[in-house]
Amino acid sequence: MANRLLFLPLSLLLLLLSPICALNPNPNSDKPSGAHTELIKHGFPTGLLPTNVHKYTVNQTTNEFAVFLHDTCRLTLPPDNYLATYSRKITGKIVDGRITDLNGINVRAFFKWWGITGIRSKGEDLVFEVGMVTAKYPSKNFDESPPCEGKHSSS
C-alpha cells in the first residue's frame, strides 16, 4: 500500500513535467528541425544547414525565411573541404529548387571569405552562387546535417 502511495505522486509529477520537456527539445537530437524539413519540402538536402538550428521562420507569402542557430559555427564542406562559417541568423528567400538573397553563410576559398548568395537544386546537383561565380557539387554530399566544429568569425 505504501508503494502505491509513493507511486501516485511520482506519476503525477512526471505527467506534469512532460509538457515542459516537449517545449524544450534536445538541440543535439538527430531529429530534423523544422528548417531542415522546409529544405526537403523545396527540393534541398538537409545537410545545407548544421545540426544546431534553434528555430526558423518563413513567410508563406513572400517565401522569405530566417534560420536561427544556437551560436555561430564553423564547418568543413564536402567534397573539397572548404571551410564555411554560419552566422547565428541566416536569411534568404526559398522556392522550389532555389534559394536566393542568401545571407549568413560564408566560405573560404582562395585565401578570402566569400558570401554564398544563392543555391540552386539542379537534378542530382547543387549549384552554389557566390556573386556571379558558381560551383556545382553533387547534392548527395549534403544528405546529412553536419555538427558544428566550433565558433568562428569570418573576418
Protein backbone atom coordinates (compact mmCIF):
# COMPACT_ATOMS: atom_id res chain seq x y z
CA MET A 1 0.00 0.00 0.00
CA ALA A 2 2.84 2.38 0.88
CA ASN A 3 4.46 1.74 -2.54
CA ARG A 4 1.24 2.70 -4.33
CA LEU A 5 1.00 5.94 -2.32
CA LEU A 6 4.58 6.83 -3.27
CA PHE A 7 4.00 5.87 -6.92
CA LEU A 8 0.95 8.15 -7.34
CA PRO A 9 2.71 11.47 -6.54
CA LEU A 10 5.70 10.43 -8.66
CA SER A 11 3.39 9.62 -11.60
CA LEU A 12 1.63 12.98 -11.25
CA LEU A 13 4.97 14.80 -11.17
CA LEU A 14 6.11 13.05 -14.38
CA LEU A 15 2.78 13.82 -16.02
CA LEU A 16 3.10 17.50 -15.12
CA LEU A 17 6.70 17.71 -16.33
CA SER A 18 6.15 16.01 -19.70
CA PRO A 19 4.71 19.12 -21.46
CA ILE A 20 7.69 21.17 -20.25
CA CYS A 21 10.12 18.64 -21.71
CA ALA A 22 8.23 18.74 -25.02
CA LEU A 23 8.68 22.53 -25.22
CA ASN A 24 12.44 22.26 -24.74
CA PRO A 25 13.66 19.62 -27.19
CA ASN A 26 17.27 18.48 -27.11
CA PRO A 27 19.18 20.70 -29.58
CA ASN A 28 21.61 17.87 -30.26
CA SER A 29 18.85 15.47 -31.29
CA ASP A 30 19.18 13.62 -34.61
CA LYS A 31 15.57 14.53 -35.47
CA PRO A 32 15.45 17.13 -38.26
CA SER A 33 14.33 20.62 -37.27
CA GLY A 34 11.51 22.48 -38.98
CA ALA A 35 14.10 24.34 -41.04
CA HIS A 36 15.55 21.04 -42.26
CA THR A 37 12.04 19.84 -43.16
CA GLU A 38 11.49 23.09 -45.06
CA LEU A 39 14.63 22.39 -47.11
CA ILE A 40 13.32 18.94 -48.05
CA LYS A 41 9.93 20.42 -48.96
CA HIS A 42 11.64 22.68 -51.52
CA GLY A 43 13.92 20.02 -53.01
CA PHE A 44 17.11 20.50 -50.99
CA PRO A 45 19.07 18.12 -48.78
CA THR A 46 19.10 18.74 -45.02
CA GLY A 47 22.90 18.99 -44.93
CA LEU A 48 22.81 22.58 -46.13
CA LEU A 49 22.18 23.52 -42.50
CA PRO A 50 24.12 22.37 -39.45
CA THR A 51 22.50 20.40 -36.65
CA ASN A 52 22.37 23.33 -34.19
CA VAL A 53 19.26 25.03 -35.62
CA HIS A 54 17.38 26.70 -32.77
CA LYS A 55 14.31 27.97 -34.65
CA TYR A 56 13.22 29.29 -38.01
CA THR A 57 10.54 31.42 -39.57
CA VAL A 58 9.21 31.51 -43.12
CA ASN A 59 6.74 33.96 -44.63
CA GLN A 60 4.41 31.79 -46.75
CA THR A 61 3.51 34.79 -48.94
CA THR A 62 6.98 36.16 -49.76
CA ASN A 63 8.96 32.93 -49.09
CA GLU A 64 11.45 34.93 -47.02
CA PHE A 65 12.99 32.89 -44.23
CA ALA A 66 15.21 33.29 -41.19
CA VAL A 67 17.07 30.42 -39.55
CA PHE A 68 18.44 30.93 -36.07
CA LEU A 69 21.32 28.80 -34.79
CA HIS A 70 22.21 28.33 -31.14
CA ASP A 71 25.54 30.00 -31.93
CA THR A 72 27.80 30.77 -34.86
CA CYS A 73 29.57 27.72 -36.19
CA ARG A 74 32.28 26.51 -38.49
CA LEU A 75 32.01 23.52 -40.83
CA THR A 76 34.11 21.80 -43.43
CA LEU A 77 32.00 21.42 -46.56
CA PRO A 78 32.35 18.38 -48.79
CA PRO A 79 33.75 17.38 -51.19
CA ASP A 80 36.60 19.90 -51.44
CA ASN A 81 36.84 20.58 -47.70
CA TYR A 82 36.09 24.28 -47.91
CA LEU A 83 35.86 25.96 -44.53
CA ALA A 84 32.44 27.58 -44.04
CA THR A 85 31.01 29.74 -41.30
CA TYR A 86 27.37 30.12 -40.39
CA SER A 87 26.10 33.22 -38.60
CA ARG A 88 23.63 32.91 -35.74
CA LYS A 89 20.98 34.23 -38.16
CA ILE A 90 20.74 33.10 -41.79
CA THR A 91 18.23 34.80 -44.07
CA GLY A 92 17.07 34.44 -47.63
CA LYS A 93 14.19 33.52 -49.87
CA ILE A 94 13.23 29.92 -50.71
CA VAL A 95 11.09 28.48 -53.51
CA ASP A 96 11.13 25.04 -55.09
CA GLY A 97 14.69 24.34 -56.22
CA ARG A 98 16.08 27.80 -55.48
CA ILE A 99 17.37 29.80 -52.51
CA THR A 100 18.10 33.46 -53.25
CA ASP A 101 19.15 36.57 -51.34
CA LEU A 102 21.08 34.28 -49.00
CA ASN A 103 22.91 35.99 -46.17
CA GLY A 104 24.79 34.43 -43.26
CA ILE A 105 26.84 31.63 -44.85
CA ASN A 106 30.43 32.33 -45.85
CA VAL A 107 33.03 30.05 -47.41
CA ARG A 108 36.80 30.41 -47.50
CA ALA A 109 38.34 29.95 -50.95
CA PHE A 110 41.49 31.38 -52.50
CA PHE A 111 42.57 32.84 -49.13
CA LYS A 112 39.46 35.00 -48.89
CA TRP A 113 35.98 34.78 -47.33
CA TRP A 114 33.07 34.79 -49.80
CA GLY A 115 29.37 35.05 -49.02
CA ILE A 116 27.17 32.36 -50.57
CA THR A 117 24.34 34.38 -52.13
CA GLY A 118 22.21 31.59 -53.57
CA ILE A 119 21.80 27.86 -54.04
CA ARG A 120 20.00 26.05 -56.87
CA SER A 121 18.96 22.42 -56.98
CA LYS A 122 19.61 21.15 -60.49
CA GLY A 123 18.91 17.45 -60.96
CA GLU A 124 21.32 15.50 -58.76
CA ASP A 125 23.49 18.59 -58.22
CA LEU A 126 23.51 21.75 -56.16
CA VAL A 127 24.79 24.95 -57.70
CA PHE A 128 26.24 27.39 -55.17
CA GLU A 129 26.31 31.06 -56.15
CA VAL A 130 28.95 33.43 -54.84
CA GLY A 131 28.05 36.66 -56.60
CA MET A 132 28.48 35.97 -60.32
CA VAL A 133 30.59 32.84 -59.76
CA THR A 134 29.01 29.39 -59.38
CA ALA A 135 30.23 25.99 -58.26
CA LYS A 136 28.39 22.70 -58.80
CA TYR A 137 28.52 19.75 -56.37
CA PRO A 138 26.56 16.50 -56.06
CA SER A 139 23.64 17.02 -53.68
CA LYS A 140 24.36 13.62 -52.09
CA ASN A 141 27.36 15.28 -50.39
CA PHE A 142 24.83 17.23 -48.30
CA ASP A 143 22.46 14.42 -47.32
CA GLU A 144 23.30 14.66 -43.61
CA SER A 145 23.34 17.76 -41.42
CA PRO A 146 26.83 18.24 -40.03
CA PRO A 147 27.53 19.23 -36.44
CA CYS A 148 29.38 22.49 -35.90
CA GLU A 149 33.12 22.19 -35.45
CA GLY A 150 33.36 25.32 -33.33
CA LYS A 151 32.81 29.05 -33.18
CA HIS A 152 34.43 31.17 -35.86
CA SER A 153 34.31 34.73 -37.02
CA SER A 154 34.56 35.26 -40.77
CA SER A 155 36.76 38.32 -40.76
